[in-house]
Amino acid sequence: MARQPREKSATGYYHIMMRGINREFIYRTLKEKHYFMDLLKNELATCLAGYCLMDNHVHLLVNAQLDELSLVIKKLNIKYAMQYNYYNQRVGHLFQNRYKSEAIHTEPYLIQVLRYIHNNPVKAGMIQKAEDYQWSSYREYLGNTVLISEHYKAFILSLFSGNISELVHFHQQKDDFEYLDTKEEIERNRNNLAQDIIAGFCNETGIFNASIIKNEDRYIKEIILRLLDKTKLSHRDIARLLEVNRGIIHYIASRRGSKQWGVQ
């Protein structure tokens, strides 16, 4: 099957994600992370607006022409993989397939993507606050730049009127939108959102034990509707999460919008 052409961004910004082959780590030591950071500085210094190094994948926010970007990412990957394979006595590909990219068409979405990138280790449960993580660009937005472009840093800060406190507040706001990421991260984020929805429902109704939900028709119907409307979980995943038969999920989904239920 022929590769689909990459979508061109209206703003010039792209969200890039690369992951290790077979879900393998791409960084095992601090030395390897520092080497990758050096490559970012050497290869992407003029176009890098954000980054976050995780154990088995990396997020980048860049502003570049598509053709140039592909060449630079390919060069960076080859250099890093050669060094990694040498020190770890391995052969073969390190990164899975070609990098994934997402075109960013608006300024509001640009800062949402940057927030998601910076909060990746928070969502993964690695740290409590984005500023606690050493391997992302968040600290650079709060202080001195190390890798990211001064030009793009200044532009993004201008979207907050140059006020760093507004940037910090924005990063602390909850965001349940689904962004480009690994399959495992997306699944974890979906499940975390579902757990938040269930917890919120329990607080609203005064239920102290979530297991009560599945024994009350009015509760199970409402929570299933909320999960169907607010998450991208499959019927199977919702059934497993609530410990109910999948047929119940199918039935309620098919009745969504029914006036008989009073659901508009």
C-alpha atoms as a PDB file:
ATOM      1  CA  MET A   1       0.000   0.000   0.000  1.00  0.00           C
ATOM      2  CA  ALA A   2       1.360   3.414  -0.988  1.00  0.00           C
ATOM      3  CA  ARG A   3       2.164   5.836   1.798  1.00  0.00           C
ATOM      4  CA  GLN A   4      -0.314   8.622   2.312  1.00  0.00           C
ATOM      5  CA  PRO A   5       1.171  12.100   1.738  1.00  0.00           C
ATOM      6  CA  ARG A   6       1.615  14.123   4.892  1.00  0.00           C
ATOM      7  CA  GLU A   7      -0.857  16.931   5.489  1.00  0.00           C
ATOM      8  CA  LYS A   8       0.602  20.402   5.062  1.00  0.00           C
ATOM      9  CA  SER A   9       0.185  22.757   8.012  1.00  0.00           C
ATOM     10  CA  ALA A  10      -1.441  26.156   7.567  1.00  0.00           C
ATOM     11  CA  THR A  11       0.766  27.573  10.345  1.00  0.00           C
ATOM     12  CA  GLY A  12       3.988  25.738   9.520  1.00  0.00           C
ATOM     13  CA  TYR A  13       3.848  23.904  12.858  1.00  0.00           C
ATOM     14  CA  TYR A  14       3.864  20.127  13.181  1.00  0.00           C
ATOM     15  CA  HIS A  15       3.514  17.735  16.096  1.00  0.00           C
ATOM     16  CA  ILE A  16       6.006  14.901  15.563  1.00  0.00           C
ATOM     17  CA  MET A  17       6.009  11.589  17.416  1.00  0.00           C
ATOM     18  CA  MET A  18       8.575   8.782  17.099  1.00  0.00           C
ATOM     19  CA  ARG A  19       8.501   5.540  19.041  1.00  0.00           C
ATOM     20  CA  GLY A  20      10.774   2.554  19.549  1.00  0.00           C
ATOM     21  CA  ILE A  21      10.263  -0.534  17.443  1.00  0.00           C
ATOM     22  CA  ASN A  22       8.276  -3.288  19.180  1.00  0.00           C
ATOM     23  CA  ARG A  23       7.542  -0.787  21.982  1.00  0.00           C
ATOM     24  CA  GLU A  24      11.213  -0.948  23.017  1.00  0.00           C
ATOM     25  CA  PHE A  25      12.920   1.818  24.970  1.00  0.00           C
ATOM     26  CA  ILE A  26      14.856   4.288  22.850  1.00  0.00           C
ATOM     27  CA  TYR A  27      16.681   5.701  25.873  1.00  0.00           C
ATOM     28  CA  ARG A  28      18.140   3.440  28.549  1.00  0.00           C
ATOM     29  CA  THR A  29      20.728   5.709  30.118  1.00  0.00           C
ATOM     30  CA  LEU A  30      21.156   9.395  30.905  1.00  0.00           C
ATOM     31  CA  LYS A  31      24.042   9.430  28.442  1.00  0.00           C
ATOM     32  CA  GLU A  32      21.703   8.380  25.638  1.00  0.00           C
ATOM     33  CA  LYS A  33      19.171  11.070  26.516  1.00  0.00           C
ATOM     34  CA  HIS A  34      21.898  13.706  26.594  1.00  0.00           C
ATOM     35  CA  TYR A  35      23.151  12.510  23.206  1.00  0.00           C
ATOM     36  CA  PHE A  36      19.657  12.747  21.715  1.00  0.00           C
ATOM     37  CA  MET A  37      19.323  16.260  23.172  1.00  0.00           C
ATOM     38  CA  ASP A  38      22.613  17.197  21.514  1.00  0.00           C
ATOM     39  CA  LEU A  39      21.270  15.943  18.190  1.00  0.00           C
ATOM     40  CA  LEU A  40      18.121  18.025  18.634  1.00  0.00           C
ATOM     41  CA  LYS A  41      20.263  21.078  19.238  1.00  0.00           C
ATOM     42  CA  ASN A  42      22.451  20.395  16.210  1.00  0.00           C
ATOM     43  CA  GLU A  43      19.748  19.357  13.747  1.00  0.00           C
ATOM     44  CA  LEU A  44      16.599  21.232  14.845  1.00  0.00           C
ATOM     45  CA  ALA A  45      17.863  24.322  16.672  1.00  0.00           C
ATOM     46  CA  THR A  46      16.273  26.776  14.241  1.00  0.00           C
ATOM     47  CA  CYS A  47      12.822  25.157  14.106  1.00  0.00           C
ATOM     48  CA  LEU A  48      12.236  23.437  17.463  1.00  0.00           C
ATOM     49  CA  ALA A  49       9.390  24.899  19.536  1.00  0.00           C
ATOM     50  CA  GLY A  50       8.863  22.085  22.028  1.00  0.00           C
ATOM     51  CA  TYR A  51       9.886  18.547  22.956  1.00  0.00           C
ATOM     52  CA  CYS A  52       9.463  15.776  25.494  1.00  0.00           C
ATOM     53  CA  LEU A  53      11.601  12.639  25.729  1.00  0.00           C
ATOM     54  CA  MET A  54       9.795   9.631  27.192  1.00  0.00           C
ATOM     55  CA  ASP A  55      11.348   6.183  27.627  1.00  0.00           C
ATOM     56  CA  ASN A  56      10.038   4.562  24.457  1.00  0.00           C
ATOM     57  CA  HIS A  57       8.940   7.564  22.395  1.00  0.00           C
ATOM     58  CA  VAL A  58       9.550  11.255  21.848  1.00  0.00           C
ATOM     59  CA  HIS A  59       7.300  14.225  21.060  1.00  0.00           C
ATOM     60  CA  LEU A  60       8.546  17.211  19.058  1.00  0.00           C
ATOM     61  CA  LEU A  61       6.868  20.486  18.096  1.00  0.00           C
ATOM     62  CA  VAL A  62       8.544  22.052  15.082  1.00  0.00           C
ATOM     63  CA  ASN A  63       8.026  24.778  12.502  1.00  0.00           C
ATOM     64  CA  ALA A  64       9.429  23.760   9.131  1.00  0.00           C
ATOM     65  CA  GLN A  65       8.770  22.956   5.512  1.00  0.00           C
ATOM     66  CA  LEU A  66       7.584  19.366   5.079  1.00  0.00           C
ATOM     67  CA  ASP A  67      10.371  18.309   2.687  1.00  0.00           C
ATOM     68  CA  GLU A  68      13.088  19.772   4.874  1.00  0.00           C
ATOM     69  CA  LEU A  69      11.533  18.325   8.005  1.00  0.00           C
ATOM     70  CA  SER A  70      11.497  14.787   6.610  1.00  0.00           C
ATOM     71  CA  LEU A  71      15.179  14.979   5.724  1.00  0.00           C
ATOM     72  CA  VAL A  72      16.188  16.385   9.099  1.00  0.00           C
ATOM     73  CA  ILE A  73      14.186  13.814  11.089  1.00  0.00           C
ATOM     74  CA  LYS A  74      15.608  10.996   8.975  1.00  0.00           C
ATOM     75  CA  LYS A  75      19.146  12.270   9.556  1.00  0.00           C
ATOM     76  CA  LEU A  76      18.561  12.637  13.291  1.00  0.00           C
ATOM     77  CA  ASN A  77      17.107   9.128  13.565  1.00  0.00           C
ATOM     78  CA  ILE A  78      19.949   7.504  11.649  1.00  0.00           C
ATOM     79  CA  LYS A  79      22.601   9.237  13.735  1.00  0.00           C
ATOM     80  CA  TYR A  80      20.960   8.350  17.006  1.00  0.00           C
ATOM     81  CA  ALA A  81      20.180   4.729  16.037  1.00  0.00           C
ATOM     82  CA  MET A  82      23.776   4.115  14.937  1.00  0.00           C
ATOM     83  CA  GLN A  83      25.124   5.390  18.258  1.00  0.00           C
ATOM     84  CA  TYR A  84      22.489   3.540  20.280  1.00  0.00           C
ATOM     85  CA  ASN A  85      23.116   0.251  18.464  1.00  0.00           C
ATOM     86  CA  TYR A  86      26.861   0.589  18.941  1.00  0.00           C
ATOM     87  CA  TYR A  87      26.679   1.116  22.699  1.00  0.00           C
ATOM     88  CA  ASN A  88      23.971  -1.515  23.205  1.00  0.00           C
ATOM     89  CA  GLN A  89      25.516  -4.115  20.889  1.00  0.00           C
ATOM     90  CA  ARG A  90      22.395  -4.450  18.778  1.00  0.00           C
ATOM     91  CA  VAL A  91      21.583  -4.260  15.070  1.00  0.00           C
ATOM     92  CA  GLY A  92      18.548  -3.255  13.057  1.00  0.00           C
ATOM     93  CA  HIS A  93      15.967  -0.497  13.255  1.00  0.00           C
ATOM     94  CA  LEU A  94      15.471   1.400  16.492  1.00  0.00           C
ATOM     95  CA  PHE A  95      12.429   3.500  15.563  1.00  0.00           C
ATOM     96  CA  GLN A  96       9.136   1.964  14.446  1.00  0.00           C
ATOM     97  CA  ASN A  97       8.285   2.795  10.833  1.00  0.00           C
ATOM     98  CA  ARG A  98       8.493   6.429   9.748  1.00  0.00           C
ATOM     99  CA  TYR A  99       7.727   9.173  12.207  1.00  0.00           C
ATOM    100  CA  LYS A 100       4.108  10.206  12.764  1.00  0.00           C
ATOM    101  CA  SER A 101       3.130  13.810  12.180  1.00  0.00           C
ATOM    102  CA  GLU A 102       0.129  16.015  12.835  1.00  0.00           C
ATOM    103  CA  ALA A 103      -0.380  19.318  11.029  1.00  0.00           C
ATOM    104  CA  ILE A 104      -1.313  22.208  13.324  1.00  0.00           C
ATOM    105  CA  HIS A 105      -3.610  24.678  11.602  1.00  0.00           C
ATOM    106  CA  THR A 106      -4.514  27.189  14.323  1.00  0.00           C
ATOM    107  CA  GLU A 107      -2.795  29.040  17.152  1.00  0.00           C
ATOM    108  CA  PRO A 108      -5.230  27.793  19.834  1.00  0.00           C
ATOM    109  CA  TYR A 109      -4.499  24.213  18.834  1.00  0.00           C
ATOM    110  CA  LEU A 110      -0.762  24.971  18.768  1.00  0.00           C
ATOM    111  CA  ILE A 111      -0.674  25.820  22.466  1.00  0.00           C
ATOM    112  CA  GLN A 112      -2.949  22.879  23.282  1.00  0.00           C
ATOM    113  CA  VAL A 113      -0.459  20.528  21.612  1.00  0.00           C
ATOM    114  CA  LEU A 114       2.432  22.147  23.460  1.00  0.00           C
ATOM    115  CA  ARG A 115       0.579  21.668  26.752  1.00  0.00           C
ATOM    116  CA  TYR A 116      -0.060  18.022  25.924  1.00  0.00           C
ATOM    117  CA  ILE A 117       3.599  17.456  25.086  1.00  0.00           C
ATOM    118  CA  HIS A 118       4.758  19.037  28.340  1.00  0.00           C
ATOM    119  CA  ASN A 119       2.175  17.132  30.403  1.00  0.00           C
ATOM    120  CA  ASN A 120       2.983  13.746  28.850  1.00  0.00           C
ATOM    121  CA  PRO A 121       5.092  12.555  31.816  1.00  0.00           C
ATOM    122  CA  VAL A 122       2.425  13.868  34.220  1.00  0.00           C
ATOM    123  CA  LYS A 123      -0.306  11.854  32.494  1.00  0.00           C
ATOM    124  CA  ALA A 124       2.007   8.823  32.541  1.00  0.00           C
ATOM    125  CA  GLY A 125       2.305   9.138  36.324  1.00  0.00           C
ATOM    126  CA  MET A 126       6.066   9.717  36.214  1.00  0.00           C
ATOM    127  CA  ILE A 127       5.930  13.107  37.968  1.00  0.00           C
ATOM    128  CA  GLN A 128       3.434  15.361  39.732  1.00  0.00           C
ATOM    129  CA  LYS A 129       4.110  18.619  37.868  1.00  0.00           C
ATOM    130  CA  ALA A 130       5.450  19.393  34.392  1.00  0.00           C
ATOM    131  CA  GLU A 131       8.245  21.551  35.804  1.00  0.00           C
ATOM    132  CA  ASP A 132       9.622  18.519  37.658  1.00  0.00           C
ATOM    133  CA  TYR A 133      10.580  16.805  34.409  1.00  0.00           C
ATOM    134  CA  GLN A 134      14.109  17.345  33.110  1.00  0.00           C
ATOM    135  CA  TRP A 135      13.598  16.037  29.599  1.00  0.00           C
ATOM    136  CA  SER A 136      11.016  18.437  28.174  1.00  0.00           C
ATOM    137  CA  SER A 137      10.990  22.048  26.988  1.00  0.00           C
ATOM    138  CA  TYR A 138       8.626  23.213  29.743  1.00  0.00           C
ATOM    139  CA  ARG A 139      11.425  24.575  31.925  1.00  0.00           C
ATOM    140  CA  GLU A 140      12.786  26.451  28.929  1.00  0.00           C
ATOM    141  CA  TYR A 141       9.499  28.348  28.659  1.00  0.00           C
ATOM    142  CA  LEU A 142       9.794  29.289  32.319  1.00  0.00           C
ATOM    143  CA  GLY A 143      13.428  30.394  32.106  1.00  0.00           C
ATOM    144  CA  ASN A 144      16.468  30.218  29.841  1.00  0.00           C
ATOM    145  CA  THR A 145      16.352  28.414  26.521  1.00  0.00           C
ATOM    146  CA  VAL A 146      18.603  25.433  25.914  1.00  0.00           C
ATOM    147  CA  LEU A 147      17.331  23.671  22.809  1.00  0.00           C
ATOM    148  CA  ILE A 148      14.220  25.418  21.567  1.00  0.00           C
ATOM    149  CA  SER A 149      14.299  28.341  19.148  1.00  0.00           C
ATOM    150  CA  GLU A 150      14.186  31.751  20.826  1.00  0.00           C
ATOM    151  CA  HIS A 151      12.050  32.961  17.930  1.00  0.00           C
ATOM    152  CA  TYR A 152       9.307  30.346  18.360  1.00  0.00           C
ATOM    153  CA  LYS A 153       9.475  30.564  22.137  1.00  0.00           C
ATOM    154  CA  ALA A 154       8.840  34.305  21.893  1.00  0.00           C
ATOM    155  CA  PHE A 155       5.949  33.747  19.479  1.00  0.00           C
ATOM    156  CA  ILE A 156       4.234  31.169  21.694  1.00  0.00           C
ATOM    157  CA  LEU A 157       4.709  33.339  24.782  1.00  0.00           C
ATOM    158  CA  SER A 158       3.154  36.226  22.857  1.00  0.00           C
ATOM    159  CA  LEU A 159      -0.037  34.146  22.679  1.00  0.00           C
ATOM    160  CA  PHE A 160      -0.088  34.544  26.476  1.00  0.00           C
ATOM    161  CA  SER A 161       0.712  38.265  26.227  1.00  0.00           C
ATOM    162  CA  GLY A 162       4.254  37.416  27.319  1.00  0.00           C
ATOM    163  CA  ASN A 163       2.922  36.481  30.758  1.00  0.00           C
ATOM    164  CA  ILE A 164       4.599  33.304  32.048  1.00  0.00           C
ATOM    165  CA  SER A 165       2.019  33.023  34.841  1.00  0.00           C
ATOM    166  CA  GLU A 166      -0.699  32.687  32.188  1.00  0.00           C
ATOM    167  CA  LEU A 167       1.346  29.984  30.473  1.00  0.00           C
ATOM    168  CA  VAL A 168       1.700  28.098  33.766  1.00  0.00           C
ATOM    169  CA  HIS A 169      -2.031  28.436  34.498  1.00  0.00           C
ATOM    170  CA  PHE A 170      -2.871  27.180  31.003  1.00  0.00           C
ATOM    171  CA  HIS A 171      -0.684  24.097  31.539  1.00  0.00           C
ATOM    172  CA  GLN A 172      -2.534  23.334  34.758  1.00  0.00           C
ATOM    173  CA  GLN A 173      -5.945  23.284  33.091  1.00  0.00           C
ATOM    174  CA  LYS A 174      -7.535  19.912  32.404  1.00  0.00           C
ATOM    175  CA  ASP A 175      -7.648  18.858  28.765  1.00  0.00           C
ATOM    176  CA  ASP A 176      -9.391  15.668  27.642  1.00  0.00           C
ATOM    177  CA  PHE A 177      -8.816  16.133  23.910  1.00  0.00           C
ATOM    178  CA  GLU A 178      -7.063  13.249  22.150  1.00  0.00           C
ATOM    179  CA  TYR A 179      -3.695  14.050  20.582  1.00  0.00           C
ATOM    180  CA  LEU A 180      -1.098  12.234  18.513  1.00  0.00           C
ATOM    181  CA  ASP A 181       0.580   9.620  20.713  1.00  0.00           C
ATOM    182  CA  THR A 182       1.445   5.940  21.052  1.00  0.00           C
ATOM    183  CA  LYS A 183      -1.414   3.455  21.146  1.00  0.00           C
ATOM    184  CA  GLU A 184      -0.625   2.638  24.785  1.00  0.00           C
ATOM    185  CA  GLU A 185      -0.664   6.302  25.844  1.00  0.00           C
ATOM    186  CA  ILE A 186      -3.970   6.913  24.058  1.00  0.00           C
ATOM    187  CA  GLU A 187      -5.554   3.885  25.731  1.00  0.00           C
ATOM    188  CA  ARG A 188      -4.283   4.977  29.140  1.00  0.00           C
ATOM    189  CA  ASN A 189      -5.605   8.510  28.639  1.00  0.00           C
ATOM    190  CA  ARG A 190      -9.008   7.144  27.594  1.00  0.00           C
ATOM    191  CA  ASN A 191      -9.189   4.945  30.673  1.00  0.00           C
ATOM    192  CA  ASN A 192      -8.085   7.774  32.961  1.00  0.00           C
ATOM    193  CA  LEU A 193     -10.814   9.998  31.494  1.00  0.00           C
ATOM    194  CA  ALA A 194     -13.386   7.240  32.001  1.00  0.00           C
ATOM    195  CA  GLN A 195     -12.335   6.825  35.625  1.00  0.00           C
ATOM    196  CA  ASP A 196     -12.694  10.592  36.148  1.00  0.00           C
ATOM    197  CA  ILE A 197     -16.200  10.498  34.629  1.00  0.00           C
ATOM    198  CA  ILE A 198     -17.228   7.620  36.889  1.00  0.00           C
ATOM    199  CA  ALA A 199     -15.764   9.338  39.955  1.00  0.00           C
ATOM    200  CA  GLY A 200     -17.590  12.561  39.064  1.00  0.00           C
ATOM    201  CA  PHE A 201     -20.858  10.685  38.658  1.00  0.00           C
ATOM    202  CA  CYS A 202     -20.403   9.027  42.061  1.00  0.00           C
ATOM    203  CA  ASN A 203     -19.793  12.411  43.657  1.00  0.00           C
ATOM    204  CA  GLU A 204     -22.920  13.859  42.032  1.00  0.00           C
ATOM    205  CA  THR A 205     -25.149  11.024  43.169  1.00  0.00           C
ATOM    206  CA  GLY A 206     -23.575  10.438  46.573  1.00  0.00           C
ATOM    207  CA  ILE A 207     -22.498   6.911  45.696  1.00  0.00           C
ATOM    208  CA  PHE A 208     -19.509   5.822  47.761  1.00  0.00           C
ATOM    209  CA  ASN A 209     -19.016   2.461  46.079  1.00  0.00           C
ATOM    210  CA  ALA A 210     -18.798   2.395  42.281  1.00  0.00           C
ATOM    211  CA  SER A 211     -19.946  -1.250  42.227  1.00  0.00           C
ATOM    212  CA  ILE A 212     -23.448  -0.024  43.167  1.00  0.00           C
ATOM    213  CA  ILE A 213     -23.772   1.550  39.699  1.00  0.00           C
ATOM    214  CA  LYS A 214     -24.127  -1.747  37.833  1.00  0.00           C
ATOM    215  CA  ASN A 215     -26.922  -2.897  40.140  1.00  0.00           C
ATOM    216  CA  GLU A 216     -29.139   0.122  39.459  1.00  0.00           C
ATOM    217  CA  ASP A 217     -30.667   0.488  35.976  1.00  0.00           C
ATOM    218  CA  ARG A 218     -30.956   4.278  36.221  1.00  0.00           C
ATOM    219  CA  TYR A 219     -27.309   4.604  37.245  1.00  0.00           C
ATOM    220  CA  ILE A 220     -25.867   2.197  34.698  1.00  0.00           C
ATOM    221  CA  LYS A 221     -27.811   3.837  31.869  1.00  0.00           C
ATOM    222  CA  GLU A 222     -26.607   7.320  32.758  1.00  0.00           C
ATOM    223  CA  ILE A 223     -22.950   6.405  33.259  1.00  0.00           C
ATOM    224  CA  ILE A 224     -22.877   4.397  30.016  1.00  0.00           C
ATOM    225  CA  LEU A 225     -24.344   7.362  28.124  1.00  0.00           C
ATOM    226  CA  ARG A 226     -21.701   9.645  29.592  1.00  0.00           C
ATOM    227  CA  LEU A 227     -18.898   7.275  28.659  1.00  0.00           C
ATOM    228  CA  LEU A 228     -20.271   6.887  25.123  1.00  0.00           C
ATOM    229  CA  ASP A 229     -20.600  10.669  24.683  1.00  0.00           C
ATOM    230  CA  LYS A 230     -17.369  11.821  26.335  1.00  0.00           C
ATOM    231  CA  THR A 231     -14.841   9.090  25.582  1.00  0.00           C
ATOM    232  CA  LYS A 232     -13.703   7.084  22.583  1.00  0.00           C
ATOM    233  CA  LEU A 233     -13.767   3.802  24.475  1.00  0.00           C
ATOM    234  CA  SER A 234     -15.173   0.839  22.560  1.00  0.00           C
ATOM    235  CA  HIS A 235     -18.302  -0.955  23.759  1.00  0.00           C
ATOM    236  CA  ARG A 236     -16.066  -3.814  24.859  1.00  0.00           C
ATOM    237  CA  ASP A 237     -13.844  -1.506  26.906  1.00  0.00           C
ATOM    238  CA  ILE A 238     -16.841   0.142  28.607  1.00  0.00           C
ATOM    239  CA  ALA A 239     -18.327  -3.261  29.435  1.00  0.00           C
ATOM    240  CA  ARG A 240     -15.036  -4.417  30.906  1.00  0.00           C
ATOM    241  CA  LEU A 241     -14.605  -1.208  32.887  1.00  0.00           C
ATOM    242  CA  LEU A 242     -18.120  -1.378  34.401  1.00  0.00           C
ATOM    243  CA  GLU A 243     -18.106  -5.178  34.671  1.00  0.00           C
ATOM    244  CA  VAL A 244     -21.354  -5.564  32.749  1.00  0.00           C
ATOM    245  CA  ASN A 245     -22.430  -7.557  29.708  1.00  0.00           C
ATOM    246  CA  ARG A 246     -21.463  -5.960  26.402  1.00  0.00           C
ATOM    247  CA  GLY A 247     -25.027  -6.428  25.177  1.00  0.00           C
ATOM    248  CA  ILE A 248     -26.147  -3.772  27.682  1.00  0.00           C
ATOM    249  CA  ILE A 249     -23.744  -1.269  26.123  1.00  0.00           C
ATOM    250  CA  HIS A 250     -25.001  -2.095  22.616  1.00  0.00           C
ATOM    251  CA  TYR A 251     -28.631  -1.701  23.696  1.00  0.00           C
ATOM    252  CA  ILE A 252     -28.110   1.644  25.447  1.00  0.00           C
ATOM    253  CA  ALA A 253     -26.020   2.938  22.532  1.00  0.00           C
ATOM    254  CA  SER A 254     -28.772   2.032  20.093  1.00  0.00           C
ATOM    255  CA  ARG A 255     -31.345   3.882  22.217  1.00  0.00           C
ATOM    256  CA  ARG A 256     -29.351   7.097  22.536  1.00  0.00           C
ATOM    257  CA  GLY A 257     -31.502  10.101  21.710  1.00  0.00           C
ATOM    258  CA  SER A 258     -34.728   8.259  22.347  1.00  0.00           C
ATOM    259  CA  LYS A 259     -37.444  10.588  23.645  1.00  0.00           C
ATOM    260  CA  GLN A 260     -38.789   7.665  25.641  1.00  0.00           C
ATOM    261  CA  TRP A 261     -35.633   7.923  27.750  1.00  0.00           C
ATOM    262  CA  GLY A 262     -35.791  11.683  27.872  1.00  0.00           C
ATOM    263  CA  VAL A 263     -32.354  11.934  26.321  1.00  0.00           C
ATOM    264  CA  GLN A 264     -32.004  14.686  23.720  1.00  0.00           C
END
